[in-house]
Amino acid sequence: QVQLVESGGGLVQPGGSLRLSCAASGSIFSIYAMGWYRQAPGKQRELVAGITSGGMTNYADSVKGRFTISRDNAKNTVYLQMNSLKPEDTAVYYCKADGTSRGYWGQGTQVTVSS
């Protein structure tokens, strides 16, 4: 089992920044990739950014150049630095860990971009 705890969400004005954190514990040796997803009201959950154990990253087109995913292996933590936030970035953000046998989800953290 893998446990994921997200933090760092909140209310920010358009153009502002936030950094989300996702701390993993448990059977972390089984994790080969992690990612951030988001789900806005009435919309499907979508991939925002992902990072493999080797450090390869990928991003949704809508966040390229604004968001950066990174990981600190010593802390078993993945980060999502979000800059130049827009109202359309408002959503619940979820951390996901892909394990060798299944995926694991965090509880989600709310990000609201509004003036």
N, C-alpha and C. Protein backbone atom coordinates (compact mmCIF):
# COMPACT_ATOMS: atom_id res chain seq x y z
N GLN A 1 0.83 -1.20 0.00
CA GLN A 1 0.00 0.00 0.00
C GLN A 1 0.86 1.25 0.00
N VAL A 2 0.33 2.26 -0.66
CA VAL A 2 1.00 3.56 -0.70
C VAL A 2 0.02 4.61 -0.22
N GLN A 3 0.48 5.48 0.65
CA GLN A 3 -0.34 6.58 1.13
C GLN A 3 0.22 7.89 0.57
N LEU A 4 -0.69 8.75 0.13
CA LEU A 4 -0.32 10.03 -0.45
C LEU A 4 -1.02 11.15 0.30
N VAL A 5 -0.27 12.15 0.68
CA VAL A 5 -0.85 13.30 1.38
C VAL A 5 -0.47 14.57 0.64
N GLU A 6 -1.48 15.27 0.14
CA GLU A 6 -1.25 16.51 -0.60
C GLU A 6 -1.38 17.71 0.33
N SER A 7 -0.69 18.78 -0.04
CA SER A 7 -0.83 20.04 0.68
C SER A 7 -0.46 21.18 -0.25
N GLY A 8 -0.81 22.39 0.15
CA GLY A 8 -0.38 23.57 -0.60
C GLY A 8 -1.46 24.27 -1.39
N GLY A 9 -2.67 23.73 -1.42
CA GLY A 9 -3.74 24.40 -2.15
C GLY A 9 -4.20 25.66 -1.44
N GLY A 10 -5.08 26.39 -2.10
CA GLY A 10 -5.61 27.59 -1.49
C GLY A 10 -6.20 28.53 -2.51
N LEU A 11 -6.44 29.75 -2.05
CA LEU A 11 -7.01 30.80 -2.90
C LEU A 11 -5.90 31.74 -3.34
N VAL A 12 -5.84 32.02 -4.63
CA VAL A 12 -4.79 32.90 -5.16
C VAL A 12 -5.41 33.76 -6.26
N GLN A 13 -4.88 34.95 -6.42
CA GLN A 13 -5.35 35.84 -7.47
C GLN A 13 -4.79 35.43 -8.83
N PRO A 14 -5.48 35.78 -9.90
CA PRO A 14 -4.94 35.50 -11.23
C PRO A 14 -3.54 36.09 -11.39
N GLY A 15 -2.66 35.31 -12.00
CA GLY A 15 -1.27 35.71 -12.14
C GLY A 15 -0.38 35.28 -10.99
N GLY A 16 -0.98 34.78 -9.93
CA GLY A 16 -0.22 34.37 -8.76
C GLY A 16 0.36 32.98 -8.89
N SER A 17 0.99 32.53 -7.80
CA SER A 17 1.66 31.23 -7.80
C SER A 17 1.26 30.42 -6.56
N LEU A 18 1.34 29.12 -6.71
CA LEU A 18 1.17 28.19 -5.61
C LEU A 18 2.09 27.00 -5.85
N ARG A 19 2.50 26.36 -4.76
CA ARG A 19 3.25 25.11 -4.89
C ARG A 19 2.53 24.02 -4.13
N LEU A 20 2.18 22.97 -4.84
CA LEU A 20 1.55 21.80 -4.23
C LEU A 20 2.62 20.76 -3.89
N SER A 21 2.39 20.06 -2.79
CA SER A 21 3.29 18.99 -2.38
C SER A 21 2.50 17.70 -2.22
N CYS A 22 3.15 16.60 -2.52
CA CYS A 22 2.54 15.28 -2.34
C CYS A 22 3.58 14.37 -1.71
N ALA A 23 3.35 14.01 -0.46
CA ALA A 23 4.27 13.15 0.28
C ALA A 23 3.79 11.72 0.23
N ALA A 24 4.66 10.82 -0.19
CA ALA A 24 4.32 9.41 -0.30
C ALA A 24 4.94 8.62 0.85
N SER A 25 4.21 7.62 1.33
CA SER A 25 4.71 6.72 2.36
C SER A 25 4.17 5.32 2.10
N GLY A 26 4.74 4.35 2.80
CA GLY A 26 4.33 2.97 2.60
C GLY A 26 5.24 2.25 1.62
N SER A 27 4.66 1.51 0.71
CA SER A 27 5.43 0.69 -0.24
C SER A 27 5.92 1.52 -1.42
N ILE A 28 6.71 2.53 -1.13
CA ILE A 28 7.13 3.47 -2.17
C ILE A 28 8.07 2.83 -3.17
N PHE A 29 8.68 1.68 -2.83
CA PHE A 29 9.59 1.02 -3.75
C PHE A 29 8.86 0.55 -5.00
N SER A 30 7.53 0.41 -4.89
CA SER A 30 6.74 -0.09 -6.02
C SER A 30 6.34 1.02 -6.99
N ILE A 31 6.60 2.26 -6.64
CA ILE A 31 6.18 3.40 -7.47
C ILE A 31 7.17 3.63 -8.60
N TYR A 32 6.65 3.72 -9.85
CA TYR A 32 7.54 4.01 -10.97
C TYR A 32 7.22 5.35 -11.62
N ALA A 33 6.11 5.94 -11.26
CA ALA A 33 5.77 7.27 -11.80
C ALA A 33 4.77 7.94 -10.89
N MET A 34 4.78 9.26 -10.91
CA MET A 34 3.80 10.02 -10.13
C MET A 34 3.29 11.16 -10.98
N GLY A 35 2.11 11.64 -10.63
CA GLY A 35 1.55 12.72 -11.42
C GLY A 35 0.54 13.53 -10.65
N TRP A 36 0.22 14.66 -11.22
CA TRP A 36 -0.83 15.53 -10.70
C TRP A 36 -1.97 15.57 -11.71
N TYR A 37 -3.16 15.40 -11.19
CA TYR A 37 -4.38 15.49 -11.97
C TYR A 37 -5.24 16.59 -11.37
N ARG A 38 -6.22 17.04 -12.12
CA ARG A 38 -7.17 18.01 -11.57
C ARG A 38 -8.56 17.73 -12.11
N GLN A 39 -9.53 18.15 -11.31
CA GLN A 39 -10.92 17.98 -11.70
C GLN A 39 -11.70 19.22 -11.31
N ALA A 40 -12.21 19.89 -12.32
CA ALA A 40 -13.05 21.07 -12.10
C ALA A 40 -14.51 20.63 -12.04
N PRO A 41 -15.36 21.41 -11.41
CA PRO A 41 -16.78 21.05 -11.30
C PRO A 41 -17.39 20.78 -12.67
N GLY A 42 -18.06 19.64 -12.80
CA GLY A 42 -18.72 19.30 -14.05
C GLY A 42 -17.82 18.81 -15.15
N LYS A 43 -16.54 18.64 -14.84
CA LYS A 43 -15.59 18.19 -15.85
C LYS A 43 -14.91 16.89 -15.43
N GLN A 44 -14.33 16.21 -16.40
CA GLN A 44 -13.60 14.98 -16.10
C GLN A 44 -12.24 15.28 -15.49
N ARG A 45 -11.76 14.35 -14.72
CA ARG A 45 -10.42 14.48 -14.18
C ARG A 45 -9.41 14.40 -15.33
N GLU A 46 -8.42 15.28 -15.30
CA GLU A 46 -7.44 15.32 -16.38
C GLU A 46 -6.02 15.35 -15.83
N LEU A 47 -5.10 14.81 -16.61
CA LEU A 47 -3.69 14.83 -16.24
C LEU A 47 -3.16 16.26 -16.41
N VAL A 48 -2.47 16.73 -15.41
CA VAL A 48 -1.81 18.04 -15.46
C VAL A 48 -0.33 17.87 -15.77
N ALA A 49 0.33 16.99 -15.01
CA ALA A 49 1.77 16.78 -15.20
C ALA A 49 2.16 15.44 -14.60
N GLY A 50 3.18 14.81 -15.18
CA GLY A 50 3.66 13.55 -14.67
C GLY A 50 5.17 13.51 -14.66
N ILE A 51 5.72 12.66 -13.79
CA ILE A 51 7.16 12.50 -13.71
C ILE A 51 7.47 11.04 -13.40
N THR A 52 8.44 10.48 -14.12
CA THR A 52 8.81 9.09 -13.90
C THR A 52 9.90 9.00 -12.84
N SER A 53 10.19 7.79 -12.41
CA SER A 53 11.26 7.59 -11.43
C SER A 53 12.60 8.03 -11.99
N GLY A 54 12.72 8.04 -13.32
CA GLY A 54 13.95 8.50 -13.96
C GLY A 54 14.01 9.99 -14.20
N GLY A 55 12.92 10.68 -13.86
CA GLY A 55 12.91 12.13 -13.97
C GLY A 55 12.31 12.69 -15.25
N MET A 56 11.81 11.82 -16.12
CA MET A 56 11.16 12.32 -17.34
C MET A 56 9.81 12.93 -16.98
N THR A 57 9.51 14.06 -17.61
CA THR A 57 8.28 14.78 -17.29
C THR A 57 7.40 14.95 -18.53
N ASN A 58 6.13 15.14 -18.29
CA ASN A 58 5.20 15.49 -19.36
C ASN A 58 4.13 16.40 -18.78
N TYR A 59 3.58 17.24 -19.64
CA TYR A 59 2.62 18.25 -19.20
C TYR A 59 1.43 18.33 -20.15
N ALA A 60 0.29 18.71 -19.60
CA ALA A 60 -0.85 19.06 -20.43
C ALA A 60 -0.50 20.34 -21.18
N ASP A 61 -1.00 20.45 -22.41
CA ASP A 61 -0.71 21.64 -23.21
C ASP A 61 -1.13 22.92 -22.49
N SER A 62 -2.21 22.84 -21.74
CA SER A 62 -2.77 24.03 -21.10
C SER A 62 -1.88 24.60 -19.99
N VAL A 63 -0.92 23.81 -19.51
CA VAL A 63 -0.07 24.29 -18.40
C VAL A 63 1.40 24.38 -18.78
N LYS A 64 1.74 23.98 -19.99
CA LYS A 64 3.15 24.04 -20.40
C LYS A 64 3.67 25.47 -20.31
N GLY A 65 4.85 25.60 -19.74
CA GLY A 65 5.46 26.91 -19.58
C GLY A 65 5.03 27.64 -18.32
N ARG A 66 4.01 27.12 -17.63
CA ARG A 66 3.52 27.76 -16.40
C ARG A 66 3.72 26.87 -15.17
N PHE A 67 3.56 25.57 -15.35
CA PHE A 67 3.66 24.62 -14.25
C PHE A 67 4.94 23.80 -14.39
N THR A 68 5.50 23.42 -13.25
CA THR A 68 6.69 22.57 -13.23
C THR A 68 6.52 21.48 -12.19
N ILE A 69 6.68 20.24 -12.62
CA ILE A 69 6.64 19.11 -11.69
C ILE A 69 8.06 18.70 -11.35
N SER A 70 8.28 18.36 -10.09
CA SER A 70 9.61 17.94 -9.66
C SER A 70 9.46 16.94 -8.52
N ARG A 71 10.56 16.28 -8.18
CA ARG A 71 10.49 15.31 -7.09
C ARG A 71 11.75 15.38 -6.25
N ASP A 72 11.57 15.11 -4.97
CA ASP A 72 12.69 15.01 -4.03
C ASP A 72 12.67 13.58 -3.51
N ASN A 73 13.55 12.76 -4.06
CA ASN A 73 13.53 11.34 -3.69
C ASN A 73 13.88 11.12 -2.23
N ALA A 74 14.70 11.96 -1.68
CA ALA A 74 15.09 11.80 -0.27
C ALA A 74 13.89 12.02 0.66
N LYS A 75 12.95 12.85 0.21
CA LYS A 75 11.77 13.13 1.02
C LYS A 75 10.53 12.39 0.52
N ASN A 76 10.69 11.60 -0.53
CA ASN A 76 9.56 10.87 -1.12
C ASN A 76 8.40 11.83 -1.42
N THR A 77 8.74 12.96 -1.98
CA THR A 77 7.76 14.02 -2.21
C THR A 77 7.84 14.51 -3.65
N VAL A 78 6.67 14.76 -4.21
CA VAL A 78 6.56 15.34 -5.55
C VAL A 78 5.90 16.71 -5.41
N TYR A 79 6.40 17.64 -6.19
CA TYR A 79 5.90 19.01 -6.13
C TYR A 79 5.30 19.43 -7.46
N LEU A 80 4.37 20.37 -7.40
CA LEU A 80 3.86 21.02 -8.59
C LEU A 80 3.92 22.52 -8.36
N GLN A 81 4.87 23.17 -9.01
CA GLN A 81 4.98 24.61 -8.93
C GLN A 81 4.09 25.21 -10.01
N MET A 82 3.15 26.02 -9.59
CA MET A 82 2.17 26.61 -10.52
C MET A 82 2.34 28.12 -10.53
N ASN A 83 2.73 28.64 -11.68
CA ASN A 83 2.91 30.08 -11.86
C ASN A 83 1.90 30.62 -12.87
N SER A 84 1.75 31.92 -12.87
CA SER A 84 0.84 32.58 -13.83
C SER A 84 -0.53 31.92 -13.84
N LEU A 85 -1.05 31.70 -12.66
CA LEU A 85 -2.32 30.98 -12.54
C LEU A 85 -3.47 31.75 -13.16
N LYS A 86 -4.40 30.99 -13.73
CA LYS A 86 -5.56 31.55 -14.41
C LYS A 86 -6.83 31.04 -13.73
N PRO A 87 -7.93 31.75 -13.86
CA PRO A 87 -9.18 31.24 -13.27
C PRO A 87 -9.54 29.83 -13.75
N GLU A 88 -9.19 29.51 -14.98
CA GLU A 88 -9.49 28.17 -15.49
C GLU A 88 -8.63 27.07 -14.87
N ASP A 89 -7.67 27.44 -14.06
CA ASP A 89 -6.88 26.45 -13.32
C ASP A 89 -7.59 26.02 -12.03
N THR A 90 -8.70 26.67 -11.72
CA THR A 90 -9.45 26.33 -10.52
C THR A 90 -9.96 24.89 -10.60
N ALA A 91 -9.64 24.11 -9.59
CA ALA A 91 -10.01 22.69 -9.58
C ALA A 91 -9.53 22.06 -8.28
N VAL A 92 -9.98 20.83 -8.06
CA VAL A 92 -9.36 20.01 -7.02
C VAL A 92 -8.19 19.28 -7.68
N TYR A 93 -7.02 19.40 -7.08
CA TYR A 93 -5.82 18.78 -7.62
C TYR A 93 -5.51 17.51 -6.82
N TYR A 94 -5.28 16.44 -7.56
CA TYR A 94 -5.02 15.13 -6.96
C TYR A 94 -3.63 14.65 -7.35
N CYS A 95 -2.97 14.05 -6.40
CA CYS A 95 -1.71 13.38 -6.65
C CYS A 95 -1.99 11.91 -6.91
N LYS A 96 -1.27 11.34 -7.86
CA LYS A 96 -1.41 9.92 -8.15
C LYS A 96 -0.05 9.27 -8.23
N ALA A 97 0.04 8.07 -7.66
CA ALA A 97 1.26 7.27 -7.76
C ALA A 97 0.95 6.00 -8.54
N ASP A 98 1.73 5.72 -9.55
CA ASP A 98 1.56 4.50 -10.33
C ASP A 98 2.50 3.43 -9.79
N GLY A 99 1.91 2.40 -9.23
CA GLY A 99 2.70 1.30 -8.69
C GLY A 99 2.74 0.14 -9.67
N THR A 100 3.52 -0.87 -9.36
CA THR A 100 3.68 -2.01 -10.26
C THR A 100 2.39 -2.80 -10.41
N SER A 101 1.51 -2.72 -9.42
CA SER A 101 0.28 -3.51 -9.51
C SER A 101 -0.98 -2.66 -9.57
N ARG A 102 -0.90 -1.39 -9.17
CA ARG A 102 -2.09 -0.54 -9.16
C ARG A 102 -1.69 0.91 -8.97
N GLY A 103 -2.67 1.81 -9.13
CA GLY A 103 -2.44 3.22 -8.89
C GLY A 103 -3.02 3.62 -7.56
N TYR A 104 -2.47 4.69 -7.00
CA TYR A 104 -2.92 5.20 -5.72
C TYR A 104 -3.22 6.69 -5.86
N TRP A 105 -4.28 7.14 -5.17
CA TRP A 105 -4.69 8.54 -5.25
C TRP A 105 -4.61 9.20 -3.88
N GLY A 106 -4.28 10.47 -3.88
CA GLY A 106 -4.38 11.27 -2.67
C GLY A 106 -5.80 11.78 -2.52
N GLN A 107 -6.02 12.53 -1.43
CA GLN A 107 -7.37 12.97 -1.10
C GLN A 107 -7.78 14.23 -1.87
N GLY A 108 -6.81 14.90 -2.47
CA GLY A 108 -7.11 16.10 -3.23
C GLY A 108 -6.92 17.37 -2.43
N THR A 109 -6.56 18.44 -3.12
CA THR A 109 -6.43 19.74 -2.49
C THR A 109 -7.03 20.79 -3.43
N GLN A 110 -7.82 21.69 -2.86
CA GLN A 110 -8.54 22.68 -3.67
C GLN A 110 -7.63 23.83 -4.05
N VAL A 111 -7.64 24.18 -5.32
CA VAL A 111 -6.96 25.38 -5.82
C VAL A 111 -8.02 26.27 -6.45
N THR A 112 -8.11 27.49 -5.95
CA THR A 112 -9.08 28.45 -6.47
C THR A 112 -8.34 29.70 -6.92
N VAL A 113 -8.53 30.06 -8.19
CA VAL A 113 -7.88 31.24 -8.76
C VAL A 113 -8.98 32.26 -9.03
N SER A 114 -8.98 33.31 -8.24
CA SER A 114 -10.06 34.29 -8.35
C SER A 114 -9.60 35.62 -7.77
N SER A 115 -10.13 36.69 -8.32
CA SER A 115 -9.84 38.02 -7.79
C SER A 115 -10.91 38.44 -6.80
